Protein backbone atom coordinates (compact mmCIF):
# COMPACT_ATOMS: atom_id res chain seq x y z
CA ALA A 1 38.88 2.10 -101.74
CA ARG A 2 40.93 -1.11 -101.60
CA GLN A 3 44.18 0.85 -101.85
CA ALA A 4 43.14 3.02 -98.93
CA LEU A 5 42.93 -0.09 -96.75
CA GLY A 6 46.66 -0.66 -97.03
CA PRO A 7 48.70 -3.85 -97.49
CA ASP A 8 47.84 -5.31 -94.06
CA VAL A 9 44.24 -5.71 -95.17
CA GLN A 10 44.77 -6.16 -98.91
CA ALA A 11 47.16 -9.12 -98.74
CA PRO A 12 44.96 -11.32 -96.50
CA ALA A 13 41.81 -10.45 -98.46
CA THR A 14 43.50 -11.29 -101.75
CA ALA A 15 44.88 -14.53 -100.30
CA VAL A 16 41.44 -15.60 -99.07
CA TYR A 17 39.97 -14.90 -102.49
CA LEU A 18 42.71 -16.82 -104.33
CA VAL A 19 42.62 -19.81 -101.97
CA SER A 20 38.83 -19.96 -102.32
CA ARG A 21 39.12 -19.69 -106.09
CA SER A 22 41.71 -22.46 -106.21
CA GLN A 23 39.54 -24.75 -104.08
CA SER A 24 36.46 -24.00 -106.18
CA LEU A 25 38.31 -24.76 -109.40
CA LEU A 26 39.66 -27.94 -107.85
CA GLU A 27 36.18 -29.15 -106.93
CA TYR A 28 34.95 -28.17 -110.38
CA GLY A 29 37.61 -30.42 -111.90
CA ARG A 30 39.84 -27.71 -113.32
CA LEU A 31 42.97 -29.14 -111.74
CA GLU A 32 45.51 -27.22 -113.83
CA ASP A 33 43.88 -23.87 -113.09
CA ALA A 34 43.55 -24.69 -109.39
CA GLY A 35 47.18 -25.78 -109.27
CA ARG A 36 48.42 -22.70 -111.07
CA ILE A 37 46.66 -20.36 -108.63
CA SER A 38 47.63 -22.27 -105.50
CA ARG A 39 51.25 -22.72 -106.60
CA ARG A 40 51.69 -19.06 -107.53
CA GLY A 41 50.11 -17.96 -104.26
CA TYR A 42 52.32 -20.33 -102.31
CA ASP A 43 55.48 -19.19 -104.10
CA PHE A 44 54.59 -15.52 -103.61
CA CYS A 45 53.92 -16.02 -99.90
CA LEU A 46 57.23 -17.87 -99.47
CA ARG A 47 59.13 -15.01 -101.14
CA ALA A 48 57.26 -12.41 -99.06
CA ASN A 49 57.52 -14.51 -95.89
CA PHE A 50 53.76 -14.02 -95.47
CA ARG A 51 53.21 -16.80 -92.92
CA ASP A 52 49.41 -16.72 -92.91
CA GLY A 53 49.42 -17.01 -96.68
CA ILE A 54 51.93 -19.87 -96.55
CA ALA A 55 49.59 -21.82 -94.28
CA TRP A 56 46.58 -21.30 -96.54
CA PHE A 57 48.32 -21.78 -99.87
CA ALA A 58 50.27 -24.83 -98.65
CA PHE A 59 46.91 -26.36 -97.74
CA ALA A 60 45.28 -25.35 -101.04
CA HIS A 61 48.18 -26.61 -103.12
CA GLY A 62 48.38 -29.76 -101.03
CA MET A 63 44.75 -30.48 -101.95
CA VAL A 64 45.63 -30.09 -105.63
CA GLU A 65 48.55 -32.47 -105.19
CA LEU A 66 46.26 -34.99 -103.44
CA TYR A 67 43.66 -34.86 -106.21
CA THR A 68 46.33 -35.28 -108.88
CA GLY A 69 47.92 -38.27 -107.13
CA ARG A 70 51.15 -36.60 -106.04
CA LEU A 71 50.80 -37.91 -102.51
CA GLU A 72 54.31 -37.24 -101.23
CA ARG A 73 54.04 -33.58 -102.26
CA ALA A 74 50.59 -33.39 -100.67
CA MET A 75 52.04 -34.76 -97.43
CA ARG A 76 54.89 -32.24 -97.41
CA LEU A 77 52.55 -29.30 -98.00
CA ALA A 78 50.07 -30.58 -95.40
CA ARG A 79 52.84 -30.79 -92.81
CA GLU A 80 53.95 -27.25 -93.60
CA SER A 81 50.40 -25.96 -93.42
CA ALA A 82 49.80 -27.70 -90.08
CA VAL A 83 52.98 -26.25 -88.60
CA VAL A 84 52.23 -22.69 -89.66
CA PHE A 85 48.56 -22.88 -88.65
CA GLY A 86 49.74 -24.40 -85.35
CA GLU A 87 52.13 -21.48 -84.76
CA ARG A 88 49.08 -19.24 -84.96
CA ALA A 89 46.76 -21.52 -82.94
CA HIS A 90 44.49 -21.45 -86.00
CA ALA A 91 41.78 -24.04 -86.62
CA GLY A 92 43.25 -24.63 -90.08
CA ALA A 93 45.66 -27.07 -88.42
CA ARG A 94 42.71 -29.50 -88.23
CA TRP A 95 42.21 -29.32 -91.99
CA ALA A 96 45.92 -29.78 -92.64
CA PHE A 97 46.06 -32.86 -90.40
CA VAL A 98 43.18 -34.41 -92.34
CA LEU A 99 44.93 -33.67 -95.64
CA LEU A 100 48.10 -35.26 -94.29
CA ALA A 101 46.17 -38.33 -93.09
CA LEU A 102 44.38 -38.76 -96.44
CA ALA A 103 47.57 -38.47 -98.47
CA ALA A 104 49.59 -40.70 -96.14
CA ALA A 105 46.94 -43.41 -95.97
CA GLN A 106 46.42 -43.42 -99.73
CA ARG A 107 50.19 -43.75 -100.07
CA GLY A 108 50.15 -46.66 -97.61
CA ASP A 109 52.01 -44.85 -94.83
CA VAL A 110 49.93 -46.04 -91.88
CA LEU A 111 52.16 -44.56 -89.17
CA VAL A 112 52.01 -41.03 -90.59
CA ALA A 113 48.27 -41.32 -91.23
CA GLU A 114 47.59 -42.50 -87.68
CA ALA A 115 49.77 -39.77 -86.20
CA ALA A 116 48.01 -37.10 -88.28
CA LEU A 117 44.61 -38.40 -87.16
CA ALA A 118 45.80 -38.36 -83.53
CA ASP A 119 46.88 -34.73 -84.00
CA PHE A 120 43.48 -33.99 -85.58
CA ASP A 121 41.70 -35.56 -82.61
CA VAL A 122 43.38 -33.26 -80.05
CA GLU A 123 42.54 -30.09 -81.98
CA PRO A 124 39.33 -28.40 -80.83
CA PRO A 125 36.34 -28.82 -83.17
CA THR A 126 35.26 -25.90 -85.31
CA PRO A 127 31.90 -24.76 -86.67
CA ILE A 128 33.20 -25.62 -90.16
CA ARG A 129 32.38 -29.32 -90.18
CA VAL A 130 34.04 -30.33 -93.46
CA SER A 131 37.07 -31.72 -91.67
CA ASP A 132 34.94 -34.13 -89.61
CA CYS A 133 33.62 -36.18 -92.53
CA GLU A 134 37.00 -35.95 -94.23
CA ALA A 135 38.63 -37.31 -91.06
CA ASP A 136 36.23 -40.27 -91.20
CA ARG A 137 37.26 -40.76 -94.82
CA ALA A 138 40.94 -40.63 -93.81
CA ARG A 139 40.26 -43.20 -91.08
CA GLY A 140 38.74 -45.41 -93.77
CA TRP A 141 41.81 -45.08 -95.98
CA THR A 142 44.05 -45.76 -92.96
CA ALA A 143 42.16 -48.98 -92.25
CA VAL A 144 42.53 -49.98 -95.92
CA ALA A 145 46.27 -49.23 -95.75
CA ARG A 146 46.45 -51.60 -92.74
CA GLY A 147 44.72 -54.26 -94.85
CA GLU A 148 41.39 -53.91 -93.01
CA TRP A 149 39.22 -53.50 -96.09
CA VAL A 150 35.83 -54.19 -94.51
CA GLU A 151 36.44 -51.70 -91.71
CA GLY A 152 37.83 -49.18 -94.20
CA ARG A 153 34.76 -49.37 -96.40
CA ALA A 154 32.47 -49.08 -93.35
CA LEU A 155 34.32 -45.95 -92.25
CA MET A 156 34.03 -44.46 -95.73
CA ARG A 157 30.31 -45.20 -95.72
CA SER A 158 30.09 -43.52 -92.31
CA ALA A 159 31.93 -40.50 -93.75
CA ALA A 160 29.36 -40.30 -96.55
CA ASP A 161 26.49 -40.52 -94.07
CA ARG A 162 28.00 -37.78 -91.90
CA ALA A 163 28.57 -35.55 -94.91
CA ARG A 164 24.95 -36.06 -96.01
CA ALA A 165 23.68 -35.24 -92.50
CA ASP A 166 25.75 -32.06 -92.52
CA GLY A 167 24.53 -31.07 -96.01
CA LEU A 168 27.99 -31.50 -97.56
CA VAL A 169 26.94 -33.09 -100.84
CA LEU A 170 30.32 -32.93 -102.55
CA PHE A 171 32.08 -34.54 -99.59
CA GLU A 172 29.42 -37.22 -99.51
CA ALA A 173 30.26 -37.92 -103.16
CA HIS A 174 33.99 -38.15 -102.38
CA ALA A 175 33.35 -40.64 -99.58
CA LEU A 176 30.95 -42.71 -101.69
CA PHE A 177 33.45 -42.77 -104.52
CA ASP A 178 36.15 -44.04 -102.14
CA HIS A 179 33.67 -46.58 -100.73
CA ILE A 180 33.09 -47.97 -104.23
CA ARG A 181 36.74 -47.61 -105.26
CA THR A 182 37.84 -49.86 -102.39
CA GLY A 183 35.58 -52.69 -103.47
CA SER A 184 32.08 -52.05 -102.21
CA PHE A 185 29.37 -52.42 -104.80
CA ASP A 186 26.58 -51.23 -102.51
CA PRO A 187 26.65 -47.42 -102.44
């Protein structure tokens, strides 16, 4: 049945599955497996010039790079994802801007982080609210990168509260971890 659908349907469906699998493995802590899937998908989409896939896999692989501390690579992939999503007027640009802001702020690049957050702010909101609490978390890291530790921790705490209110338990944990990691001992 899948073959009868043809490549125009098969390629996007496969890409969605692989991006979702990569993200699930990433959140489960299987960084190598997540990276292998996202990198292969990204490379394949580049060779095939499959622009939608490039946007998604650049984002997915950028997340792996962020989680493994390769912040410059995460920034490059986030930029690419934002550009391609932007070409398509796709809401994924919001997610890519947050990824860029997180990576840039954690790297100490305040100007890039602030610009990415400004780009995020002009994108229309989506029903998928994950990017909202992650943007708060990125704002916290940006404040920390500016040397404003108290404000940064408060923003991270706010990100955790927003994630909890939205039922995003894992994102709450990320924000609380950052809150503690930046010097707060009151989770």
